[in-house]
Protein backbone atom coordinates (compact mmCIF):
# COMPACT_ATOMS: atom_id res chain seq x y z
CA MET A 1 125.37 44.58 107.49
CA ASN A 2 127.04 44.67 110.63
CA SER A 3 126.31 44.46 114.14
CA ASN A 4 127.00 46.61 117.45
CA ALA A 5 128.50 45.54 120.70
CA ASP A 6 124.95 44.51 121.96
CA GLY A 7 124.50 42.45 118.90
CA GLN A 8 122.06 45.15 117.14
CA ALA A 9 121.79 45.13 113.51
CA LEU A 10 123.65 47.90 111.57
CA LEU A 11 122.83 49.00 108.01
CA ASN A 12 125.34 50.93 106.15
CA VAL A 13 123.96 54.39 104.24
CA GLU A 14 124.97 57.51 103.67
CA VAL A 15 123.65 61.19 103.20
CA ALA A 16 124.30 63.36 100.88
CA TYR A 17 123.90 67.17 100.17
CA GLY A 18 124.91 69.64 97.58
CA THR A 19 125.90 73.23 96.29
CA PRO A 20 127.46 74.39 93.57
CA GLU A 21 130.37 74.87 95.92
CA LYS A 22 130.40 72.00 97.95
CA GLN A 23 129.18 68.51 98.08
CA LEU A 24 129.27 66.16 100.93
CA ILE A 25 128.55 62.99 101.38
CA ILE A 26 128.66 60.93 105.20
CA ALA A 27 129.00 57.54 105.03
CA LEU A 28 127.05 56.27 108.47
CA LYS A 29 126.31 52.77 110.66
CA VAL A 30 122.59 53.30 111.91
CA PRO A 31 120.44 50.62 113.80
CA LEU A 32 118.00 48.42 111.39
CA GLY A 33 114.36 50.22 112.01
CA THR A 34 116.23 53.60 110.91
CA THR A 35 114.32 56.03 108.92
CA ALA A 36 115.70 58.75 106.28
CA PHE A 37 114.90 61.30 108.23
CA GLU A 38 116.91 60.18 111.47
CA ALA A 39 119.52 59.31 108.99
CA ILE A 40 119.85 63.11 108.08
CA GLN A 41 119.63 63.90 111.96
CA LEU A 42 122.10 61.17 112.79
CA SER A 43 124.44 62.75 110.19
CA ASN A 44 124.78 66.07 111.38
CA ILE A 45 124.70 67.36 107.69
CA VAL A 46 122.87 70.20 108.86
CA ASP A 47 125.92 71.69 111.12
CA GLU A 48 127.99 71.23 107.33
CA PHE A 49 124.46 72.85 105.47
CA PRO A 50 122.39 75.52 108.20
CA GLY A 51 120.15 75.75 104.67
CA ILE A 52 118.90 72.14 105.18
CA ASN A 53 115.46 72.07 106.32
CA PRO A 54 114.76 68.27 106.79
CA ASP A 55 111.34 68.80 107.32
CA LYS A 56 110.81 70.74 104.44
CA ASP A 57 113.30 69.72 101.83
CA PRO A 58 112.39 67.40 99.14
CA ILE A 59 114.20 63.96 100.24
CA GLY A 60 115.07 60.68 98.13
CA ILE A 61 116.65 57.31 97.96
CA PHE A 62 118.78 57.25 94.94
CA SER A 63 116.99 59.59 92.80
CA LYS A 64 113.90 58.55 93.64
CA PRO A 65 111.54 61.22 95.71
CA LEU A 66 110.22 59.94 98.96
CA ASP A 67 107.14 61.99 98.67
CA GLY A 68 104.30 59.76 100.03
CA LYS A 69 103.10 58.96 96.86
CA SER A 70 104.96 56.00 95.02
CA ARG A 71 106.89 55.66 97.93
CA PRO A 72 106.52 56.79 101.98
CA GLU A 73 107.53 59.97 103.63
CA PRO A 74 111.13 60.36 104.68
CA LYS A 75 109.84 59.86 108.72
CA GLU A 76 108.21 56.45 107.25
CA TYR A 77 110.81 54.98 105.12
CA LEU A 78 112.98 52.61 106.72
CA LEU A 79 116.28 52.33 105.54
CA GLN A 80 117.92 49.31 103.75
CA GLU A 81 122.04 48.66 103.51
CA LYS A 82 123.82 50.69 101.54
CA ASP A 83 120.80 53.53 100.84
CA ARG A 84 121.56 56.86 100.35
CA VAL A 85 119.52 59.75 101.40
CA GLU A 86 119.39 62.45 99.43
CA ILE A 87 118.58 66.08 100.20
CA TYR A 88 117.25 68.41 97.49
CA ARG A 89 117.64 72.09 96.43
CA PRO A 90 115.12 73.71 95.29
CA LEU A 91 115.47 74.61 91.48
CA ILE A 92 116.79 77.78 90.26
CA ILE A 93 114.87 77.37 87.32
CA ASP A 94 112.53 75.38 85.70
CA PRO A 95 114.23 72.45 83.49
CA LYS A 96 111.61 73.43 80.86
CA ALA A 97 112.15 76.74 80.56
CA ALA A 98 116.04 76.29 81.01
CA ARG A 99 116.37 73.89 77.87
CA ALA A 100 114.11 76.92 76.16
CA GLU A 101 116.53 78.98 76.62
CA ARG A 102 119.53 77.22 75.99
CA ALA A 103 117.60 76.63 72.30
CA GLN A 104 116.81 80.21 71.83
CA LYS A 105 120.45 81.38 72.71
CA LYS A 106 121.49 78.32 69.88
CA THR A 107 119.56 79.58 67.07
CA SER A 108 120.23 82.99 67.89
CA ALA A 109 123.83 81.90 67.29
CA ARG A 110 122.99 80.08 64.22
CA LYS A 111 121.51 83.15 62.61
CA LYS A 112 124.42 85.58 63.47
CA ALA A 113 126.64 82.63 61.39
């Protein structure tokens, strides 16, 4: 943890987002008391990925969703030193359906051989 010229404590955090074509992790120093939502705004990551909607997209810290159930929502979660705020894309296909499809292809390949 560092401090700014005013002596205010600063946290080292990251904001991450990725698409199949491009991934980006932005390192930031934010004041103590900054929320995950505020870090996204401070990072300006939306300028790099205009499709991001921080009000609607799922957000988490190190793969743990900030969903308001087991953890606070992004506007309530106060960041800690070295947190990585992750913005998640919607799933294109349900993971269970993708697994079933792979299993089906594997079975079909074996039958042909």
